Amino acid sequence: MEYRLLGRSGLKVSVLTLGTMTMGGKGPFAKVGNVGLAEAKRQIEMVINAGVNLIDTADVYSRGGSEEIIGEALGGKRPGGVLLASKARFPMGDGPNDRGLSRHHIIRACEASLKRLRTDVIDLYQVHEWDGQTPLEETLGALHTLIEQGKIRYVGCSNYSGWHIMKALAVSESKHLPRFISQQIHYTLEAREAEYELVPISLDQGLGILVWSPLAGGLLSGKHRRNQKTPAGTRQLAGWNEPPIRDENRLWNIVDALVEIADARGVSGAQVALAWLLGRAAVTSIVIGGRTEAQIADNLKAADLKLTDEERARLDEVSAPPILYPYWHQMQTASDRLSLADLSLLGPAPRGKNNT
C-alpha cells in the first residue's frame, strides 16, 4: 500500500480509504447498502490488513448509524494506527439549528460523532457541504475551538465550489484560523468537472483530494454495459440518483474502453477506473466501499495496478471534458505563461505520485 501526504500537512494516508456510507441501511441510505455490524467488522479487518489507514464516514450516513457501527466494530481501539474521518453539515434533527455550519451545530455535531465513534478525537473533520448563510469566520472559528479542545486534528471541506474554497482559505489566512488540508470531491472517468477549478486549486493551494464515489455509483465497475439490463442489487435500480448522467452515449463509450483494457489485463473494470484516478494530479486517496467483501477485495487490488501510458491516453481521450471559457481562451493566448495548476487542464497533465 502506498501512503501520500494529505495536502499541506504532515499526515500520511493510504491511497485507498474505506468509505462507510453503505453501513447502517437507515432511511434513504438503505438504497446504497445495509451493511451490518458483523459485515462491517470483516470489511474493516480486510482493509486494515491490506494497509488502509483511513476510515471515512459522516454523521448523516444513516442518521448516525454508520458512525455507531464503526465505533462498535473498533471498540474504541485504533488497530494499525487507523485514522478516522467524519463530516458534518446536513440535518441531524428537525430543529432550525440541527443543520448547517453554525458554531452551534458544528460543535454539537462533533461531540455527537465522537460518542457514536467511541473515540476521543477525529483525525480529519470535514464540512460536508457549503453553507451560504453562516459566515466563514464563524464556521472556521468553531473548528478552531474543536482543535483547541483536542477533539479534532485536521479540517477539510467537501463539495465546495472553487470560489467557496478560495474564500475559505482567504479567511483562514487573514483571521489566523484553521486551514483546510483537503477536499473530498466527486471525480471519475465519467465526471471530470473537477478539473476545471477544484484540481487546479488543489495543486496551487496545497490541498489533498479525497475522491468519493470513484466508480460513479457502480456505473464504472464493468458490470454495466451498453444495451444491457441493469444488474440486480445496484444503486440505480434502488433509486439512488447520484451521479447524474448527462450524456449516456459518452458514458458507454468510456465503459467500452474501460472494459476492453480490463479484459486485456485480466482485471475488473473497477480496478482500471480506480487505477486511472490514482494517477491523476493532486489525488491523495480514493474512498472505496461496497455491499460485500468481494467488492472490497476487488477494489483493494487497484492499489497495485499500474496502467501503461497508452492505456491512460486512451482513457483520457474518451473521457476528456470540453474546454470551456475562459480556458479555451487561455489555451490559445496564454500558453507561454501557464503554471503547473493550469497545465492540469490545459496541457500535459501532471501525474499522481504513483505514475511519474
Protein backbone atom coordinates (compact mmCIF):
# COMPACT_ATOMS: atom_id res chain seq x y z
CA MET A 1 0.00 0.00 0.00
CA GLU A 2 1.27 3.45 -0.90
CA TYR A 3 0.89 6.38 1.50
CA ARG A 4 0.71 10.03 0.46
CA LEU A 5 0.86 13.28 2.40
CA LEU A 6 -2.60 14.77 2.77
CA GLY A 7 -2.31 18.23 1.30
CA ARG A 8 -0.04 20.74 3.03
CA SER A 9 0.19 18.66 6.19
CA GLY A 10 2.46 16.03 7.65
CA LEU A 11 -0.32 13.43 7.80
CA LYS A 12 0.20 10.40 5.57
CA VAL A 13 -2.84 8.46 4.38
CA SER A 14 -3.19 5.32 2.29
CA VAL A 15 -4.10 5.78 -1.38
CA LEU A 16 -7.29 3.85 -0.65
CA THR A 17 -9.73 4.88 2.09
CA LEU A 18 -12.61 2.78 3.42
CA GLY A 19 -15.91 4.55 2.78
CA THR A 20 -18.80 3.62 5.05
CA MET A 21 -21.94 5.10 3.51
CA THR A 22 -23.16 1.51 2.99
CA MET A 23 -23.12 0.83 6.74
CA GLY A 24 -26.37 1.20 8.65
CA GLY A 25 -29.05 0.96 5.99
CA LYS A 26 -31.37 3.55 7.55
CA GLY A 27 -33.60 5.99 5.66
CA PRO A 28 -32.55 6.89 2.11
CA PHE A 29 -29.14 5.32 2.68
CA ALA A 30 -30.77 1.89 2.52
CA LYS A 31 -30.67 2.42 -1.27
CA VAL A 32 -26.87 2.39 -1.08
CA GLY A 33 -26.38 -0.55 1.25
CA ASN A 34 -27.30 -2.22 4.51
CA VAL A 35 -24.00 -3.44 5.90
CA GLY A 36 -24.48 -4.54 9.49
CA LEU A 37 -22.02 -4.86 12.36
CA ALA A 38 -20.68 -8.33 11.56
CA GLU A 39 -20.01 -7.49 7.91
CA ALA A 40 -18.56 -4.10 8.87
CA LYS A 41 -16.09 -5.78 11.22
CA ARG A 42 -14.93 -8.06 8.40
CA GLN A 43 -14.60 -5.17 5.95
CA ILE A 44 -12.61 -3.08 8.42
CA GLU A 45 -10.32 -6.01 9.19
CA MET A 46 -9.81 -6.65 5.46
CA VAL A 47 -8.78 -3.11 4.62
CA ILE A 48 -6.53 -2.69 7.67
CA ASN A 49 -4.76 -5.94 6.80
CA ALA A 50 -4.26 -4.56 3.28
CA GLY A 51 -2.62 -1.41 4.66
CA VAL A 52 -5.53 1.04 4.53
CA ASN A 53 -5.15 3.53 7.39
CA LEU A 54 -8.13 5.86 6.88
CA ILE A 55 -11.83 5.17 7.50
CA ASP A 56 -14.23 7.85 6.28
CA THR A 57 -17.79 8.40 7.48
CA ALA A 58 -20.29 11.20 8.17
CA ASP A 59 -22.91 11.88 10.81
CA VAL A 60 -25.67 11.96 8.19
CA TYR A 61 -24.97 8.42 6.93
CA SER A 62 -28.00 6.50 8.22
CA ARG A 63 -28.58 9.32 10.74
CA GLY A 64 -25.54 8.32 12.78
CA GLY A 65 -25.91 4.60 12.09
CA SER A 66 -22.66 4.37 10.15
CA GLU A 67 -20.67 6.04 12.93
CA GLU A 68 -22.28 3.80 15.54
CA ILE A 69 -21.32 0.66 13.63
CA ILE A 70 -17.73 1.86 13.17
CA GLY A 71 -17.49 2.69 16.86
CA GLU A 72 -18.78 -0.71 17.89
CA ALA A 73 -16.63 -2.52 15.31
CA LEU A 74 -13.46 -0.80 16.52
CA GLY A 75 -14.43 -0.98 20.17
CA GLY A 76 -12.62 2.24 20.98
CA LYS A 77 -9.33 0.92 19.56
CA ARG A 78 -7.22 2.05 16.62
CA PRO A 79 -5.62 -1.13 15.17
CA GLY A 80 -2.77 -0.42 12.78
CA GLY A 81 -2.86 3.27 13.70
CA VAL A 82 -6.09 3.68 11.77
CA LEU A 83 -7.29 7.27 11.25
CA LEU A 84 -10.93 8.34 11.45
CA ALA A 85 -12.54 10.99 9.26
CA SER A 86 -16.09 12.27 9.62
CA LYS A 87 -18.23 15.14 8.36
CA ALA A 88 -20.99 17.49 9.46
CA ARG A 89 -23.44 19.89 7.80
CA PHE A 90 -26.60 18.01 6.86
CA PRO A 91 -29.77 17.73 9.01
CA MET A 92 -29.47 15.59 12.14
CA GLY A 93 -32.82 16.65 13.60
CA ASP A 94 -35.94 18.64 12.83
CA GLY A 95 -34.99 21.86 14.59
CA PRO A 96 -33.89 25.03 12.76
CA ASN A 97 -30.36 24.71 14.21
CA ASP A 98 -29.95 20.98 13.56
CA ARG A 99 -28.18 21.61 10.26
CA GLY A 100 -25.64 23.90 8.64
CA LEU A 101 -22.21 25.12 9.67
CA SER A 102 -23.05 27.44 12.55
CA ARG A 103 -20.92 27.28 15.68
CA HIS A 104 -23.93 25.84 17.46
CA HIS A 105 -24.39 22.95 15.05
CA ILE A 106 -20.74 22.12 14.33
CA ILE A 107 -19.73 21.74 17.97
CA ARG A 108 -22.82 19.71 18.88
CA ALA A 109 -22.39 17.55 15.76
CA CYS A 110 -18.74 16.84 16.50
CA GLU A 111 -19.43 15.89 20.12
CA ALA A 112 -22.22 13.55 18.99
CA SER A 113 -19.94 11.95 16.39
CA LEU A 114 -17.23 11.36 18.99
CA LYS A 115 -19.72 9.48 21.17
CA ARG A 116 -21.01 7.36 18.30
CA LEU A 117 -17.47 6.57 17.14
CA ARG A 118 -16.39 5.78 20.71
CA THR A 119 -13.27 7.89 20.36
CA ASP A 120 -11.74 10.99 21.92
CA VAL A 121 -10.57 12.55 18.67
CA ILE A 122 -11.48 12.65 14.98
CA ASP A 123 -8.36 12.89 12.84
CA LEU A 124 -9.95 14.66 9.85
CA TYR A 125 -13.16 16.61 10.38
CA GLN A 126 -14.77 17.79 7.16
CA VAL A 127 -17.52 20.30 6.49
CA HIS A 128 -19.77 18.22 4.28
CA GLU A 129 -21.29 20.91 2.07
CA TRP A 130 -21.37 24.69 1.65
CA ASP A 131 -23.47 26.81 4.00
CA GLY A 132 -24.06 30.20 2.37
CA GLN A 133 -25.90 31.60 5.39
CA THR A 134 -23.21 31.16 8.03
CA PRO A 135 -20.16 33.48 7.97
CA LEU A 136 -16.96 31.56 7.27
CA GLU A 137 -15.37 33.26 10.29
CA GLU A 138 -17.96 31.52 12.47
CA THR A 139 -17.50 28.10 10.84
CA LEU A 140 -13.71 28.21 10.91
CA GLY A 141 -13.76 29.66 14.42
CA ALA A 142 -15.83 26.71 15.64
CA LEU A 143 -13.38 24.30 14.02
CA HIS A 144 -10.56 26.16 15.77
CA THR A 145 -12.32 25.65 19.11
CA LEU A 146 -12.61 21.91 18.45
CA ILE A 147 -8.91 21.70 17.59
CA GLU A 148 -8.00 23.63 20.73
CA GLN A 149 -10.14 21.23 22.77
CA GLY A 150 -8.32 18.25 21.25
CA LYS A 151 -11.49 16.85 19.67
CA ILE A 152 -10.29 17.08 16.05
CA ARG A 153 -6.82 17.26 14.50
CA TYR A 154 -7.20 18.42 10.88
CA VAL A 155 -10.01 20.04 8.90
CA GLY A 156 -11.18 19.64 5.33
CA CYS A 157 -14.13 20.53 3.13
CA SER A 158 -16.34 18.57 0.77
CA ASN A 159 -18.46 19.52 -2.24
CA TYR A 160 -17.30 23.14 -2.28
CA SER A 161 -17.03 25.13 -5.49
CA GLY A 162 -13.79 26.84 -6.46
CA TRP A 163 -14.76 30.25 -5.11
CA HIS A 164 -16.05 28.72 -1.89
CA ILE A 165 -12.66 27.13 -1.26
CA MET A 166 -10.65 30.23 -2.13
CA LYS A 167 -12.83 32.42 0.09
CA ALA A 168 -12.43 29.98 2.97
CA LEU A 169 -8.65 29.85 2.54
CA ALA A 170 -8.50 33.65 2.45
CA VAL A 171 -10.48 33.89 5.70
CA SER A 172 -8.24 31.28 7.30
CA GLU A 173 -5.14 33.26 6.40
CA SER A 174 -6.45 36.72 7.33
CA LYS A 175 -8.04 35.63 10.61
CA HIS A 176 -5.37 33.06 11.61
CA LEU A 177 -7.96 30.28 11.67
CA PRO A 178 -7.57 26.59 10.72
CA ARG A 179 -6.85 25.95 7.06
CA PHE A 180 -8.42 23.12 5.08
CA ILE A 181 -5.82 20.48 4.22
CA SER A 182 -8.10 18.54 1.90
CA GLN A 183 -11.27 18.49 -0.10
CA GLN A 184 -13.45 15.44 -0.69
CA ILE A 185 -14.99 15.58 -4.15
CA HIS A 186 -16.74 13.57 -6.84
CA TYR A 187 -14.25 12.82 -9.60
CA THR A 188 -14.40 9.90 -12.05
CA LEU A 189 -13.64 8.97 -15.65
CA GLU A 190 -17.26 9.85 -16.39
CA ALA A 191 -17.35 13.08 -14.34
CA ARG A 192 -14.23 15.20 -14.79
CA GLU A 193 -15.75 18.61 -13.99
CA ALA A 194 -13.38 18.88 -11.03
CA GLU A 195 -10.56 19.51 -13.48
CA TYR A 196 -11.87 22.99 -14.32
CA GLU A 197 -11.34 24.51 -10.85
CA LEU A 198 -11.04 22.02 -7.99
CA VAL A 199 -7.98 20.11 -9.20
CA PRO A 200 -6.05 23.29 -10.14
CA ILE A 201 -6.91 24.82 -6.75
CA SER A 202 -5.62 21.70 -5.00
CA LEU A 203 -2.33 21.89 -6.89
CA ASP A 204 -1.94 25.63 -6.37
CA GLN A 205 -3.07 25.80 -2.74
CA GLY A 206 -1.71 22.51 -1.46
CA LEU A 207 -4.96 20.64 -0.78
CA GLY A 208 -5.17 16.89 -0.85
CA ILE A 209 -8.03 15.33 -2.81
CA LEU A 210 -10.14 12.50 -1.44
CA VAL A 211 -12.48 11.10 -4.10
CA TRP A 212 -15.99 9.94 -3.22
CA SER A 213 -17.99 7.52 -5.39
CA PRO A 214 -15.00 6.90 -7.70
CA LEU A 215 -16.95 4.31 -9.70
CA ALA A 216 -19.86 6.68 -10.42
CA GLY A 217 -22.24 4.75 -8.20
CA GLY A 218 -21.08 1.46 -9.74
CA LEU A 219 -21.53 2.54 -13.37
CA LEU A 220 -17.77 2.19 -13.95
CA SER A 221 -17.47 -1.20 -12.27
CA GLY A 222 -17.61 -3.04 -15.58
CA LYS A 223 -20.88 -4.72 -14.64
CA HIS A 224 -22.98 -2.16 -16.53
CA ARG A 225 -22.79 -2.39 -20.32
CA ARG A 226 -24.36 -0.68 -23.27
CA ASN A 227 -27.83 -2.00 -24.18
CA GLN A 228 -27.87 -4.44 -21.27
CA LYS A 229 -30.30 -4.65 -18.37
CA THR A 230 -29.10 -3.03 -15.15
CA PRO A 231 -27.79 -5.78 -12.83
CA ALA A 232 -29.93 -6.62 -9.81
CA GLY A 233 -28.87 -5.19 -6.46
CA THR A 234 -27.35 -1.99 -7.85
CA ARG A 235 -27.88 1.55 -6.63
CA GLN A 236 -29.53 2.59 -9.89
CA LEU A 237 -32.34 0.04 -9.54
CA ALA A 238 -32.77 1.09 -5.91
CA GLY A 239 -33.42 4.67 -6.98
CA TRP A 240 -30.13 6.30 -5.93
CA ASN A 241 -29.67 9.18 -8.39
CA GLU A 242 -26.02 10.10 -7.88
CA PRO A 243 -24.20 10.91 -10.05
CA PRO A 244 -26.38 12.46 -12.77
CA ILE A 245 -25.56 11.17 -16.26
CA ARG A 246 -25.92 13.95 -18.83
CA ASP A 247 -24.62 12.09 -21.89
CA GLU A 248 -25.43 8.40 -21.86
CA ASN A 249 -23.64 7.66 -25.13
CA ARG A 250 -20.44 9.20 -23.76
CA LEU A 251 -20.78 7.06 -20.62
CA TRP A 252 -20.97 3.87 -22.66
CA ASN A 253 -18.03 4.92 -24.83
CA ILE A 254 -16.00 5.27 -21.63
CA VAL A 255 -17.25 1.92 -20.31
CA ASP A 256 -16.40 0.22 -23.63
CA ALA A 257 -12.79 1.43 -23.42
CA LEU A 258 -12.59 0.61 -19.71
CA VAL A 259 -13.83 -2.95 -20.17
CA GLU A 260 -11.57 -3.60 -23.15
CA ILE A 261 -8.49 -2.56 -21.16
CA ALA A 262 -9.66 -4.55 -18.15
CA ASP A 263 -10.28 -7.70 -20.17
CA ALA A 264 -6.86 -7.42 -21.82
CA ARG A 265 -5.20 -7.10 -18.41
CA GLY A 266 -7.32 -9.80 -16.75
CA VAL A 267 -8.64 -7.41 -14.10
CA SER A 268 -12.00 -5.82 -13.32
CA GLY A 269 -13.28 -2.61 -14.84
CA ALA A 270 -13.45 -1.18 -11.33
CA GLN A 271 -9.73 -1.71 -10.82
CA VAL A 272 -8.91 0.10 -14.07
CA ALA A 273 -11.17 3.05 -13.19
CA LEU A 274 -9.60 3.35 -9.74
CA ALA A 275 -6.05 2.99 -11.06
CA TRP A 276 -6.73 5.79 -13.56
CA LEU A 277 -7.80 8.07 -10.70
CA LEU A 278 -4.75 7.23 -8.61
CA GLY A 279 -2.59 8.61 -11.40
CA ARG A 280 -4.43 11.95 -11.64
CA ALA A 281 -2.88 15.14 -10.37
CA ALA A 282 -3.46 16.07 -6.71
CA VAL A 283 -5.43 12.89 -5.90
CA THR A 284 -4.32 11.64 -2.49
CA SER A 285 -6.77 8.85 -1.74
CA ILE A 286 -9.83 7.19 -3.21
CA VAL A 287 -12.77 6.34 -0.98
CA ILE A 288 -13.83 2.77 -1.73
CA GLY A 289 -16.76 0.88 -0.27
CA GLY A 290 -19.13 -1.90 -1.04
CA ARG A 291 -22.06 -4.01 -0.03
CA THR A 292 -19.96 -7.18 0.03
CA GLU A 293 -16.49 -8.38 0.96
CA ALA A 294 -15.96 -9.39 -2.67
CA GLN A 295 -16.40 -5.79 -3.83
CA ILE A 296 -13.98 -4.53 -1.18
CA ALA A 297 -11.41 -7.21 -2.08
CA ASP A 298 -11.62 -6.33 -5.77
CA ASN A 299 -11.23 -2.59 -5.12
CA LEU A 300 -8.19 -3.17 -2.91
CA LYS A 301 -6.31 -4.69 -5.85
CA ALA A 302 -6.39 -1.32 -7.63
CA ALA A 303 -3.63 -0.05 -5.33
CA ASP A 304 -1.15 -2.32 -7.14
CA LEU A 305 -2.42 -1.85 -10.71
CA LYS A 306 -0.21 0.37 -12.89
CA LEU A 307 -1.68 1.44 -16.21
CA THR A 308 0.56 1.96 -19.23
CA ASP A 309 0.91 5.35 -20.90
CA GLU A 310 -1.07 4.00 -23.85
CA GLU A 311 -3.93 2.80 -21.63
CA ARG A 312 -4.03 6.14 -19.83
CA ALA A 313 -4.01 8.06 -23.09
CA ARG A 314 -6.96 6.06 -24.38
CA LEU A 315 -8.99 6.64 -21.23
CA ASP A 316 -8.01 10.32 -21.16
CA GLU A 317 -9.19 10.79 -24.74
CA VAL A 318 -12.53 9.01 -24.48
CA SER A 319 -13.43 10.85 -21.27
CA ALA A 320 -11.93 14.29 -21.98
CA PRO A 321 -14.13 17.18 -20.78
CA PRO A 322 -14.81 20.05 -23.21
CA ILE A 323 -12.54 23.06 -22.73
CA LEU A 324 -14.94 25.79 -21.58
CA TYR A 325 -14.41 29.56 -21.41
CA PRO A 326 -12.14 31.09 -20.16
CA TYR A 327 -9.92 28.03 -20.50
CA TRP A 328 -10.03 27.78 -24.31
CA HIS A 329 -9.06 31.45 -24.48
CA GLN A 330 -6.21 30.93 -22.03
CA MET A 331 -5.02 27.91 -24.00
CA GLN A 332 -4.93 30.00 -27.19
CA THR A 333 -3.46 33.21 -25.79
CA ALA A 334 -1.63 32.40 -22.53
CA SER A 335 0.10 29.09 -23.25
CA ASP A 336 3.51 30.74 -22.82
CA ARG A 337 2.86 31.51 -19.13
CA LEU A 338 0.93 28.57 -17.67
CA SER A 339 1.55 27.18 -14.19
CA LEU A 340 1.55 23.56 -13.07
CA ALA A 341 -2.02 24.06 -11.87
CA ASP A 342 -3.08 25.44 -15.28
CA LEU A 343 -1.46 22.54 -17.07
CA SER A 344 -3.58 20.02 -15.17
CA LEU A 345 -6.36 21.06 -17.59
CA LEU A 346 -4.68 22.84 -20.49
CA GLY A 347 -1.50 20.92 -21.10
CA PRO A 348 0.39 17.72 -20.42
CA ALA A 349 -1.34 16.79 -17.18
CA PRO A 350 0.81 16.38 -14.08
CA ARG A 351 0.60 12.80 -12.89
CA GLY A 352 -0.05 11.37 -9.47
CA LYS A 353 2.91 10.24 -7.38
CA ASN A 354 2.45 6.62 -8.37
CA ASN A 355 2.63 7.37 -12.09
CA THR A 356 5.57 9.74 -12.60
